[in-house]
Amino acid sequence: MSTEPLIEVRTTFGSRADAELCARQLVESRLAACVQVDGPLMSIYRWQAAVETAEEWRCTCKTTCERETDCVAAISTRHAYATPQLTIVRITASAAYAAWVRESVAPA
């Protein structure tokens, strides 16, 4: 495994179209090497004193630690939710995959 850390930025969207649009924009702008969109999934959460249930689509964005701030900012500005879920998970990967991620998000 690579000793160079990567991250996964995770968020959810209320529609498949919104998730796909954000995923494409992140990859096209080189903020993520890959974004996996899965769903629908059911989320149950508390919002404004009520327990809510919603169908959502999850985006898992593979990027570098150096691109974290820009990736999160891009998601935040494109997101329809007042308080979007944005979680960052540190990951390790094979050296070849880590090199591909770094190359994919390097400024052109």
PDB file of N, CA and C in Angstrom:
ATOM      1  N   MET A   1       0.839  -1.189   0.000  1.00  0.00           N
ATOM      2  CA  MET A   1       0.000   0.000   0.000  1.00  0.00           C
ATOM      3  C   MET A   1       0.879   1.245   0.000  1.00  0.00           C
ATOM      4  N   SER A   2       0.336   2.295  -0.553  1.00  0.00           N
ATOM      5  CA  SER A   2       1.044   3.568  -0.615  1.00  0.00           C
ATOM      6  C   SER A   2       1.136   4.181   0.775  1.00  0.00           C
ATOM      7  N   THR A   3       2.227   4.864   1.029  1.00  0.00           N
ATOM      8  CA  THR A   3       2.328   5.598   2.291  1.00  0.00           C
ATOM      9  C   THR A   3       1.816   7.023   2.132  1.00  0.00           C
ATOM     10  N   GLU A   4       1.506   7.426   0.911  1.00  0.00           N
ATOM     11  CA  GLU A   4       0.949   8.754   0.675  1.00  0.00           C
ATOM     12  C   GLU A   4      -0.550   8.715   0.920  1.00  0.00           C
ATOM     13  N   PRO A   5      -1.030   9.523   1.852  1.00  0.00           N
ATOM     14  CA  PRO A   5      -2.466   9.476   2.144  1.00  0.00           C
ATOM     15  C   PRO A   5      -3.295  10.135   1.049  1.00  0.00           C
ATOM     16  N   LEU A   6      -4.469   9.595   0.878  1.00  0.00           N
ATOM     17  CA  LEU A   6      -5.497  10.186   0.033  1.00  0.00           C
ATOM     18  C   LEU A   6      -6.695  10.427   0.931  1.00  0.00           C
ATOM     19  N   ILE A   7      -7.712  11.062   0.392  1.00  0.00           N
ATOM     20  CA  ILE A   7      -8.942  11.241   1.152  1.00  0.00           C
ATOM     21  C   ILE A   7     -10.148  10.893   0.298  1.00  0.00           C
ATOM     22  N   GLU A   8     -11.217  10.556   0.985  1.00  0.00           N
ATOM     23  CA  GLU A   8     -12.542  10.459   0.387  1.00  0.00           C
ATOM     24  C   GLU A   8     -13.379  11.569   1.002  1.00  0.00           C
ATOM     25  N   VAL A   9     -13.941  12.406   0.157  1.00  0.00           N
ATOM     26  CA  VAL A   9     -14.893  13.418   0.605  1.00  0.00           C
ATOM     27  C   VAL A   9     -16.265  12.846   0.296  1.00  0.00           C
ATOM     28  N   ARG A  10     -17.123  12.766   1.296  1.00  0.00           N
ATOM     29  CA  ARG A  10     -18.441  12.153   1.126  1.00  0.00           C
ATOM     30  C   ARG A  10     -19.538  13.174   1.383  1.00  0.00           C
ATOM     31  N   THR A  11     -20.556  13.108   0.536  1.00  0.00           N
ATOM     32  CA  THR A  11     -21.714  13.973   0.689  1.00  0.00           C
ATOM     33  C   THR A  11     -22.924  13.264   0.101  1.00  0.00           C
ATOM     34  N   THR A  12     -24.104  13.800   0.366  1.00  0.00           N
ATOM     35  CA  THR A  12     -25.331  13.241  -0.202  1.00  0.00           C
ATOM     36  C   THR A  12     -26.136  14.350  -0.858  1.00  0.00           C
ATOM     37  N   PHE A  13     -26.941  13.941  -1.840  1.00  0.00           N
ATOM     38  CA  PHE A  13     -27.810  14.861  -2.575  1.00  0.00           C
ATOM     39  C   PHE A  13     -29.224  14.322  -2.595  1.00  0.00           C
ATOM     40  N   GLY A  14     -30.173  15.207  -2.756  1.00  0.00           N
ATOM     41  CA  GLY A  14     -31.583  14.838  -2.781  1.00  0.00           C
ATOM     42  C   GLY A  14     -32.058  14.275  -4.104  1.00  0.00           C
ATOM     43  N   SER A  15     -31.218  14.339  -5.144  1.00  0.00           N
ATOM     44  CA  SER A  15     -31.605  13.756  -6.431  1.00  0.00           C
ATOM     45  C   SER A  15     -30.383  13.179  -7.132  1.00  0.00           C
ATOM     46  N   ARG A  16     -30.646  12.181  -7.965  1.00  0.00           N
ATOM     47  CA  ARG A  16     -29.565  11.578  -8.742  1.00  0.00           C
ATOM     48  C   ARG A  16     -28.950  12.617  -9.681  1.00  0.00           C
ATOM     49  N   ALA A  17     -29.791  13.435 -10.292  1.00  0.00           N
ATOM     50  CA  ALA A  17     -29.298  14.449 -11.229  1.00  0.00           C
ATOM     51  C   ALA A  17     -28.331  15.413 -10.544  1.00  0.00           C
ATOM     52  N   ASP A  18     -28.666  15.870  -9.336  1.00  0.00           N
ATOM     53  CA  ASP A  18     -27.779  16.782  -8.607  1.00  0.00           C
ATOM     54  C   ASP A  18     -26.462  16.096  -8.256  1.00  0.00           C
ATOM     55  N   ALA A  19     -26.530  14.829  -7.834  1.00  0.00           N
ATOM     56  CA  ALA A  19     -25.319  14.082  -7.490  1.00  0.00           C
ATOM     57  C   ALA A  19     -24.431  13.907  -8.714  1.00  0.00           C
ATOM     58  N   GLU A  20     -25.023  13.526  -9.840  1.00  0.00           N
ATOM     59  CA  GLU A  20     -24.246  13.328 -11.064  1.00  0.00           C
ATOM     60  C   GLU A  20     -23.639  14.635 -11.560  1.00  0.00           C
ATOM     61  N   LEU A  21     -24.380  15.717 -11.478  1.00  0.00           N
ATOM     62  CA  LEU A  21     -23.870  17.012 -11.927  1.00  0.00           C
ATOM     63  C   LEU A  21     -22.667  17.435 -11.090  1.00  0.00           C
ATOM     64  N   CYS A  22     -22.786  17.322  -9.792  1.00  0.00           N
ATOM     65  CA  CYS A  22     -21.674  17.687  -8.914  1.00  0.00           C
ATOM     66  C   CYS A  22     -20.470  16.782  -9.182  1.00  0.00           C
ATOM     67  N   ALA A  23     -20.705  15.481  -9.324  1.00  0.00           N
ATOM     68  CA  ALA A  23     -19.620  14.531  -9.589  1.00  0.00           C
ATOM     69  C   ALA A  23     -18.869  14.916 -10.860  1.00  0.00           C
ATOM     70  N   ARG A  24     -19.604  15.172 -11.919  1.00  0.00           N
ATOM     71  CA  ARG A  24     -18.985  15.532 -13.200  1.00  0.00           C
ATOM     72  C   ARG A  24     -18.185  16.837 -13.070  1.00  0.00           C
ATOM     73  N   GLN A  25     -18.750  17.828 -12.389  1.00  0.00           N
ATOM     74  CA  GLN A  25     -18.055  19.111 -12.233  1.00  0.00           C
ATOM     75  C   GLN A  25     -16.765  18.959 -11.426  1.00  0.00           C
ATOM     76  N   LEU A  26     -16.787  18.118 -10.397  1.00  0.00           N
ATOM     77  CA  LEU A  26     -15.583  17.912  -9.589  1.00  0.00           C
ATOM     78  C   LEU A  26     -14.478  17.251 -10.398  1.00  0.00           C
ATOM     79  N   VAL A  27     -14.837  16.252 -11.201  1.00  0.00           N
ATOM     80  CA  VAL A  27     -13.830  15.568 -12.018  1.00  0.00           C
ATOM     81  C   VAL A  27     -13.339  16.490 -13.132  1.00  0.00           C
ATOM     82  N   GLU A  28     -14.253  17.183 -13.799  1.00  0.00           N
ATOM     83  CA  GLU A  28     -13.851  18.087 -14.883  1.00  0.00           C
ATOM     84  C   GLU A  28     -12.941  19.209 -14.393  1.00  0.00           C
ATOM     85  N   SER A  29     -13.161  19.673 -13.176  1.00  0.00           N
ATOM     86  CA  SER A  29     -12.332  20.756 -12.632  1.00  0.00           C
ATOM     87  C   SER A  29     -11.096  20.238 -11.895  1.00  0.00           C
ATOM     88  N   ARG A  30     -10.861  18.933 -11.966  1.00  0.00           N
ATOM     89  CA  ARG A  30      -9.682  18.283 -11.390  1.00  0.00           C
ATOM     90  C   ARG A  30      -9.622  18.395  -9.866  1.00  0.00           C
ATOM     91  N   LEU A  31     -10.775  18.526  -9.230  1.00  0.00           N
ATOM     92  CA  LEU A  31     -10.824  18.538  -7.767  1.00  0.00           C
ATOM     93  C   LEU A  31     -10.986  17.136  -7.203  1.00  0.00           C
ATOM     94  N   ALA A  32     -11.427  16.204  -8.022  1.00  0.00           N
ATOM     95  CA  ALA A  32     -11.541  14.795  -7.650  1.00  0.00           C
ATOM     96  C   ALA A  32     -11.106  13.958  -8.844  1.00  0.00           C
ATOM     97  N   ALA A  33     -10.424  12.865  -8.569  1.00  0.00           N
ATOM     98  CA  ALA A  33     -10.010  11.957  -9.637  1.00  0.00           C
ATOM     99  C   ALA A  33     -11.173  11.087 -10.077  1.00  0.00           C
ATOM    100  N   CYS A  34     -12.023  10.760  -9.128  1.00  0.00           N
ATOM    101  CA  CYS A  34     -13.143   9.855  -9.361  1.00  0.00           C
ATOM    102  C   CYS A  34     -14.216  10.181  -8.336  1.00  0.00           C
ATOM    103  N   VAL A  35     -15.463  10.143  -8.764  1.00  0.00           N
ATOM    104  CA  VAL A  35     -16.579  10.292  -7.828  1.00  0.00           C
ATOM    105  C   VAL A  35     -17.536   9.143  -8.084  1.00  0.00           C
ATOM    106  N   GLN A  36     -17.754   8.347  -7.071  1.00  0.00           N
ATOM    107  CA  GLN A  36     -18.715   7.252  -7.172  1.00  0.00           C
ATOM    108  C   GLN A  36     -20.048   7.736  -6.628  1.00  0.00           C
ATOM    109  N   VAL A  37     -21.096   7.549  -7.420  1.00  0.00           N
ATOM    110  CA  VAL A  37     -22.452   7.943  -7.033  1.00  0.00           C
ATOM    111  C   VAL A  37     -23.234   6.666  -6.783  1.00  0.00           C
ATOM    112  N   ASP A  38     -23.770   6.527  -5.581  1.00  0.00           N
ATOM    113  CA  ASP A  38     -24.601   5.357  -5.308  1.00  0.00           C
ATOM    114  C   ASP A  38     -25.892   5.778  -4.631  1.00  0.00           C
ATOM    115  N   GLY A  39     -26.885   4.955  -4.817  1.00  0.00           N
ATOM    116  CA  GLY A  39     -28.205   5.229  -4.266  1.00  0.00           C
ATOM    117  C   GLY A  39     -29.264   4.677  -5.198  1.00  0.00           C
ATOM    118  N   PRO A  40     -30.479   4.885  -4.894  1.00  0.00           N
ATOM    119  CA  PRO A  40     -30.904   5.694  -3.755  1.00  0.00           C
ATOM    120  C   PRO A  40     -30.683   4.969  -2.427  1.00  0.00           C
ATOM    121  N   LEU A  41     -30.497   5.752  -1.399  1.00  0.00           N
ATOM    122  CA  LEU A  41     -30.420   5.236  -0.044  1.00  0.00           C
ATOM    123  C   LEU A  41     -31.360   6.055   0.818  1.00  0.00           C
ATOM    124  N   MET A  42     -31.735   5.502   1.932  1.00  0.00           N
ATOM    125  CA  MET A  42     -32.657   6.196   2.826  1.00  0.00           C
ATOM    126  C   MET A  42     -31.870   6.795   3.981  1.00  0.00           C
ATOM    127  N   SER A  43     -32.076   8.076   4.217  1.00  0.00           N
ATOM    128  CA  SER A  43     -31.461   8.763   5.349  1.00  0.00           C
ATOM    129  C   SER A  43     -32.548   9.147   6.343  1.00  0.00           C
ATOM    130  N   ILE A  44     -32.276   8.890   7.606  1.00  0.00           N
ATOM    131  CA  ILE A  44     -33.174   9.285   8.692  1.00  0.00           C
ATOM    132  C   ILE A  44     -32.354  10.195   9.605  1.00  0.00           C
ATOM    133  N   TYR A  45     -32.866  11.396   9.849  1.00  0.00           N
ATOM    134  CA  TYR A  45     -32.085  12.392  10.575  1.00  0.00           C
ATOM    135  C   TYR A  45     -33.015  13.382  11.263  1.00  0.00           C
ATOM    136  N   ARG A  46     -32.453  14.100  12.218  1.00  0.00           N
ATOM    137  CA  ARG A  46     -33.208  15.143  12.906  1.00  0.00           C
ATOM    138  C   ARG A  46     -32.909  16.471  12.227  1.00  0.00           C
ATOM    139  N   TRP A  47     -33.956  17.214  11.882  1.00  0.00           N
ATOM    140  CA  TRP A  47     -33.801  18.530  11.266  1.00  0.00           C
ATOM    141  C   TRP A  47     -34.878  19.447  11.813  1.00  0.00           C
ATOM    142  N   GLN A  48     -34.458  20.551  12.410  1.00  0.00           N
ATOM    143  CA  GLN A  48     -35.359  21.541  12.984  1.00  0.00           C
ATOM    144  C   GLN A  48     -36.396  20.893  13.906  1.00  0.00           C
ATOM    145  N   ALA A  49     -35.897  20.098  14.842  1.00  0.00           N
ATOM    146  CA  ALA A  49     -36.677  19.460  15.909  1.00  0.00           C
ATOM    147  C   ALA A  49     -37.596  18.337  15.442  1.00  0.00           C
ATOM    148  N   ALA A  50     -37.522  17.939  14.189  1.00  0.00           N
ATOM    149  CA  ALA A  50     -38.361  16.845  13.689  1.00  0.00           C
ATOM    150  C   ALA A  50     -37.464  15.748  13.121  1.00  0.00           C
ATOM    151  N   VAL A  51     -37.918  14.510  13.240  1.00  0.00           N
ATOM    152  CA  VAL A  51     -37.213  13.392  12.620  1.00  0.00           C
ATOM    153  C   VAL A  51     -37.716  13.274  11.186  1.00  0.00           C
ATOM    154  N   GLU A  52     -36.783  13.349  10.258  1.00  0.00           N
ATOM    155  CA  GLU A  52     -37.099  13.342   8.830  1.00  0.00           C
ATOM    156  C   GLU A  52     -36.582  12.067   8.175  1.00  0.00           C
ATOM    157  N   THR A  53     -37.186  11.701   7.074  1.00  0.00           N
ATOM    158  CA  THR A  53     -36.729  10.598   6.235  1.00  0.00           C
ATOM    159  C   THR A  53     -36.630  11.121   4.814  1.00  0.00           C
ATOM    160  N   ALA A  54     -35.521  10.806   4.149  1.00  0.00           N
ATOM    161  CA  ALA A  54     -35.334  11.289   2.779  1.00  0.00           C
ATOM    162  C   ALA A  54     -34.610  10.246   1.943  1.00  0.00           C
ATOM    163  N   GLU A  55     -34.935  10.225   0.663  1.00  0.00           N
ATOM    164  CA  GLU A  55     -34.202   9.418  -0.301  1.00  0.00           C
ATOM    165  C   GLU A  55     -33.055  10.278  -0.818  1.00  0.00           C
ATOM    166  N   GLU A  56     -31.855   9.723  -0.787  1.00  0.00           N
ATOM    167  CA  GLU A  56     -30.685  10.495  -1.191  1.00  0.00           C
ATOM    168  C   GLU A  56     -29.740   9.648  -2.041  1.00  0.00           C
ATOM    169  N   TRP A  57     -28.816  10.351  -2.694  1.00  0.00           N
ATOM    170  CA  TRP A  57     -27.745   9.728  -3.457  1.00  0.00           C
ATOM    171  C   TRP A  57     -26.436  10.192  -2.857  1.00  0.00           C
ATOM    172  N   ARG A  58     -25.515   9.230  -2.650  1.00  0.00           N
ATOM    173  CA  ARG A  58     -24.242   9.527  -1.997  1.00  0.00           C
ATOM    174  C   ARG A  58     -23.135   9.665  -3.041  1.00  0.00           C
ATOM    175  N   CYS A  59     -22.308  10.672  -2.860  1.00  0.00           N
ATOM    176  CA  CYS A  59     -21.112  10.857  -3.679  1.00  0.00           C
ATOM    177  C   CYS A  59     -19.893  10.588  -2.804  1.00  0.00           C
ATOM    178  N   THR A  60     -19.007   9.724  -3.291  1.00  0.00           N
ATOM    179  CA  THR A  60     -17.743   9.448  -2.625  1.00  0.00           C
ATOM    180  C   THR A  60     -16.643   9.916  -3.568  1.00  0.00           C
ATOM    181  N   CYS A  61     -15.968  10.975  -3.180  1.00  0.00           N
ATOM    182  CA  CYS A  61     -15.000  11.653  -4.045  1.00  0.00           C
ATOM    183  C   CYS A  61     -13.582  11.278  -3.628  1.00  0.00           C
ATOM    184  N   LYS A  62     -12.795  10.760  -4.553  1.00  0.00           N
ATOM    185  CA  LYS A  62     -11.394  10.419  -4.277  1.00  0.00           C
ATOM    186  C   LYS A  62     -10.518  11.592  -4.700  1.00  0.00           C
ATOM    187  N   THR A  63      -9.710  12.081  -3.751  1.00  0.00           N
ATOM    188  CA  THR A  63      -8.832  13.204  -4.053  1.00  0.00           C
ATOM    189  C   THR A  63      -7.631  13.173  -3.116  1.00  0.00           C
ATOM    190  N   THR A  64      -6.825  14.211  -3.187  1.00  0.00           N
ATOM    191  CA  THR A  64      -5.635  14.318  -2.348  1.00  0.00           C
ATOM    192  C   THR A  64      -5.903  15.260  -1.174  1.00  0.00           C
ATOM    193  N   CYS A  65      -5.060  15.153  -0.173  1.00  0.00           N
ATOM    194  CA  CYS A  65      -5.175  16.056   0.981  1.00  0.00           C
ATOM    195  C   CYS A  65      -5.005  17.508   0.540  1.00  0.00           C
ATOM    196  N   GLU A  66      -4.156  17.734  -0.455  1.00  0.00           N
ATOM    197  CA  GLU A  66      -3.915  19.096  -0.936  1.00  0.00           C
ATOM    198  C   GLU A  66      -5.150  19.704  -1.597  1.00  0.00           C
ATOM    199  N   ARG A  67      -6.023  18.877  -2.149  1.00  0.00           N
ATOM    200  CA  ARG A  67      -7.214  19.369  -2.849  1.00  0.00           C
ATOM    201  C   ARG A  67      -8.451  19.396  -1.948  1.00  0.00           C
ATOM    202  N   GLU A  68      -8.307  18.987  -0.691  1.00  0.00           N
ATOM    203  CA  GLU A  68      -9.452  18.882   0.223  1.00  0.00           C
ATOM    204  C   GLU A  68     -10.235  20.191   0.342  1.00  0.00           C
ATOM    205  N   THR A  69      -9.573  21.278   0.655  1.00  0.00           N
ATOM    206  CA  THR A  69     -10.268  22.550   0.875  1.00  0.00           C
ATOM    207  C   THR A  69     -11.033  22.989  -0.365  1.00  0.00           C
ATOM    208  N   ASP A  70     -10.403  22.902  -1.527  1.00  0.00           N
ATOM    209  CA  ASP A  70     -11.062  23.320  -2.770  1.00  0.00           C
ATOM    210  C   ASP A  70     -12.214  22.389  -3.133  1.00  0.00           C
ATOM    211  N   CYS A  71     -12.043  21.100  -2.905  1.00  0.00           N
ATOM    212  CA  CYS A  71     -13.103  20.132  -3.199  1.00  0.00           C
ATOM    213  C   CYS A  71     -14.321  20.388  -2.314  1.00  0.00           C
ATOM    214  N   VAL A  72     -14.099  20.555  -1.027  1.00  0.00           N
ATOM    215  CA  VAL A  72     -15.200  20.820  -0.090  1.00  0.00           C
ATOM    216  C   VAL A  72     -15.885  22.144  -0.428  1.00  0.00           C
ATOM    217  N   ALA A  73     -15.108  23.162  -0.759  1.00  0.00           N
ATOM    218  CA  ALA A  73     -15.693  24.463  -1.118  1.00  0.00           C
ATOM    219  C   ALA A  73     -16.555  24.347  -2.372  1.00  0.00           C
ATOM    220  N   ALA A  74     -16.086  23.597  -3.357  1.00  0.00           N
ATOM    221  CA  ALA A  74     -16.853  23.427  -4.595  1.00  0.00           C
ATOM    222  C   ALA A  74     -18.164  22.703  -4.336  1.00  0.00           C
ATOM    223  N   ILE A  75     -18.133  21.673  -3.510  1.00  0.00           N
ATOM    224  CA  ILE A  75     -19.368  20.954  -3.167  1.00  0.00           C
ATOM    225  C   ILE A  75     -20.317  21.897  -2.437  1.00  0.00           C
ATOM    226  N   SER A  76     -19.798  22.631  -1.471  1.00  0.00           N
ATOM    227  CA  SER A  76     -20.637  23.529  -0.666  1.00  0.00           C
ATOM    228  C   SER A  76     -21.342  24.573  -1.519  1.00  0.00           C
ATOM    229  N   THR A  77     -20.645  25.138  -2.493  1.00  0.00           N
ATOM    230  CA  THR A  77     -21.259  26.188  -3.309  1.00  0.00           C
ATOM    231  C   THR A  77     -22.288  25.639  -4.285  1.00  0.00           C
ATOM    232  N   ARG A  78     -22.191  24.356  -4.639  1.00  0.00           N
ATOM    233  CA  ARG A  78     -23.120  23.751  -5.594  1.00  0.00           C
ATOM    234  C   ARG A  78     -24.295  23.059  -4.905  1.00  0.00           C
ATOM    235  N   HIS A  79     -24.249  22.950  -3.588  1.00  0.00           N
ATOM    236  CA  HIS A  79     -25.207  22.109  -2.861  1.00  0.00           C
ATOM    237  C   HIS A  79     -26.493  22.855  -2.540  1.00  0.00           C
ATOM    238  N   ALA A  80     -27.617  22.164  -2.680  1.00  0.00           N
ATOM    239  CA  ALA A  80     -28.924  22.765  -2.400  1.00  0.00           C
ATOM    240  C   ALA A  80     -29.270  22.736  -0.908  1.00  0.00           C
ATOM    241  N   TYR A  81     -28.617  21.864  -0.135  1.00  0.00           N
ATOM    242  CA  TYR A  81     -28.931  21.748   1.289  1.00  0.00           C
ATOM    243  C   TYR A  81     -28.350  22.925   2.073  1.00  0.00           C
ATOM    244  N   ALA A  82     -29.082  23.380   3.087  1.00  0.00           N
ATOM    245  CA  ALA A  82     -28.590  24.446   3.965  1.00  0.00           C
ATOM    246  C   ALA A  82     -27.366  23.978   4.748  1.00  0.00           C
ATOM    247  N   THR A  83     -27.382  22.722   5.180  1.00  0.00           N
ATOM    248  CA  THR A  83     -26.270  22.133   5.919  1.00  0.00           C
ATOM    249  C   THR A  83     -25.947  20.776   5.305  1.00  0.00           C
ATOM    250  N   PRO A  84     -25.191  20.760   4.218  1.00  0.00           N
ATOM    251  CA  PRO A  84     -24.904  19.478   3.576  1.00  0.00           C
ATOM    252  C   PRO A  84     -23.979  18.618   4.425  1.00  0.00           C
ATOM    253  N   GLN A  85     -24.181  17.316   4.306  1.00  0.00           N
ATOM    254  CA  GLN A  85     -23.248  16.376   4.923  1.00  0.00           C
ATOM    255  C   GLN A  85     -21.943  16.472   4.146  1.00  0.00           C
ATOM    256  N   LEU A  86     -20.870  16.767   4.834  1.00  0.00           N
ATOM    257  CA  LEU A  86     -19.539  16.765   4.236  1.00  0.00           C
ATOM    258  C   LEU A  86     -18.607  16.094   5.226  1.00  0.00           C
ATOM    259  N   THR A  87     -18.197  14.878   4.908  1.00  0.00           N
ATOM    260  CA  THR A  87     -17.276  14.153   5.778  1.00  0.00           C
ATOM    261  C   THR A  87     -16.028  13.817   4.978  1.00  0.00           C
ATOM    262  N   ILE A  88     -14.899  13.807   5.666  1.00  0.00           N
ATOM    263  CA  ILE A  88     -13.625  13.500   5.033  1.00  0.00           C
ATOM    264  C   ILE A  88     -13.028  12.304   5.755  1.00  0.00           C
ATOM    265  N   VAL A  89     -12.654  11.304   4.966  1.00  0.00           N
ATOM    266  CA  VAL A  89     -12.068  10.083   5.508  1.00  0.00           C
ATOM    267  C   VAL A  89     -10.677   9.918   4.902  1.00  0.00           C
ATOM    268  N   ARG A  90      -9.677   9.777   5.737  1.00  0.00           N
ATOM    269  CA  ARG A  90      -8.313   9.519   5.267  1.00  0.00           C
ATOM    270  C   ARG A  90      -8.225   8.053   4.855  1.00  0.00           C
ATOM    271  N   ILE A  91      -7.626   7.813   3.692  1.00  0.00           N
ATOM    272  CA  ILE A  91      -7.506   6.443   3.187  1.00  0.00           C
ATOM    273  C   ILE A  91      -6.077   6.191   2.726  1.00  0.00           C
ATOM    274  N   THR A  92      -5.722   4.925   2.617  1.00  0.00           N
ATOM    275  CA  THR A  92      -4.483   4.529   1.962  1.00  0.00           C
ATOM    276  C   THR A  92      -4.871   3.700   0.749  1.00  0.00           C
ATOM    277  N   ALA A  93      -3.995   3.700  -0.228  1.00  0.00           N
ATOM    278  CA  ALA A  93      -4.295   3.004  -1.476  1.00  0.00           C
ATOM    279  C   ALA A  93      -3.008   2.423  -2.038  1.00  0.00           C
ATOM    280  N   SER A  94      -3.159   1.580  -3.049  1.00  0.00           N
ATOM    281  CA  SER A  94      -1.974   1.052  -3.720  1.00  0.00           C
ATOM    282  C   SER A  94      -1.186   2.216  -4.310  1.00  0.00           C
ATOM    283  N   ALA A  95       0.099   2.013  -4.473  1.00  0.00           N
ATOM    284  CA  ALA A  95       0.953   3.067  -5.017  1.00  0.00           C
ATOM    285  C   ALA A  95       0.475   3.490  -6.399  1.00  0.00           C
ATOM    286  N   ALA A  96       0.072   2.542  -7.216  1.00  0.00           N
ATOM    287  CA  ALA A  96      -0.384   2.863  -8.576  1.00  0.00           C
ATOM    288  C   ALA A  96      -1.658   3.695  -8.543  1.00  0.00           C
ATOM    289  N   TYR A  97      -2.604   3.326  -7.685  1.00  0.00           N
ATOM    290  CA  TYR A  97      -3.858   4.084  -7.597  1.00  0.00           C
ATOM    291  C   TYR A  97      -3.596   5.483  -7.046  1.00  0.00           C
ATOM    292  N   ALA A  98      -2.768   5.587  -6.022  1.00  0.00           N
ATOM    293  CA  ALA A  98      -2.451   6.898  -5.444  1.00  0.00           C
ATOM    294  C   ALA A  98      -1.788   7.797  -6.483  1.00  0.00           C
ATOM    295  N   ALA A  99      -0.900   7.231  -7.297  1.00  0.00           N
ATOM    296  CA  ALA A  99      -0.249   8.018  -8.352  1.00  0.00           C
ATOM    297  C   ALA A  99      -1.274   8.494  -9.371  1.00  0.00           C
ATOM    298  N   TRP A 100      -2.217   7.630  -9.733  1.00  0.00           N
ATOM    299  CA  TRP A 100      -3.269   8.013 -10.686  1.00  0.00           C
ATOM    300  C   TRP A 100      -4.130   9.143 -10.122  1.00  0.00           C
ATOM    301  N   VAL A 101      -4.501   9.045  -8.841  1.00  0.00           N
ATOM    302  CA  VAL A 101      -5.302  10.106  -8.220  1.00  0.00           C
ATOM    303  C   VAL A 101      -4.526  11.416  -8.259  1.00  0.00           C
ATOM    304  N   ARG A 102      -3.266  11.389  -7.854  1.00  0.00           N
ATOM    305  CA  ARG A 102      -2.453  12.611  -7.841  1.00  0.00           C
ATOM    306  C   ARG A 102      -2.335  13.218  -9.238  1.00  0.00           C
ATOM    307  N   GLU A 103      -2.104  12.380 -10.230  1.00  0.00           N
ATOM    308  CA  GLU A 103      -2.006  12.866 -11.613  1.00  0.00           C
ATOM    309  C   GLU A 103      -3.338  13.459 -12.077  1.00  0.00           C
ATOM    310  N   SER A 104      -4.433  12.827 -11.697  1.00  0.00           N
ATOM    311  CA  SER A 104      -5.762  13.252 -12.154  1.00  0.00           C
ATOM    312  C   SER A 104      -6.204  14.584 -11.567  1.00  0.00           C
ATOM    313  N   VAL A 105      -5.710  14.917 -10.381  1.00  0.00           N
ATOM    314  CA  VAL A 105      -6.130  16.176  -9.748  1.00  0.00           C
ATOM    315  C   VAL A 105      -5.067  17.268  -9.828  1.00  0.00           C
ATOM    316  N   ALA A 106      -3.938  16.956 -10.449  1.00  0.00           N
ATOM    317  CA  ALA A 106      -2.891  17.972 -10.595  1.00  0.00           C
ATOM    318  C   ALA A 106      -3.389  19.079 -11.521  1.00  0.00           C
ATOM    319  N   PRO A 107      -3.095  20.330 -11.187  1.00  0.00           N
ATOM    320  CA  PRO A 107      -3.513  21.422 -12.079  1.00  0.00           C
ATOM    321  C   PRO A 107      -2.973  21.202 -13.489  1.00  0.00           C
ATOM    322  N   ALA A 108      -3.794  21.507 -14.470  1.00  0.00           N
ATOM    323  CA  ALA A 108      -3.408  21.270 -15.877  1.00  0.00           C
ATOM    324  C   ALA A 108      -2.376  22.270 -16.344  1.00  0.00           C
TER     325      ALA A 108
END
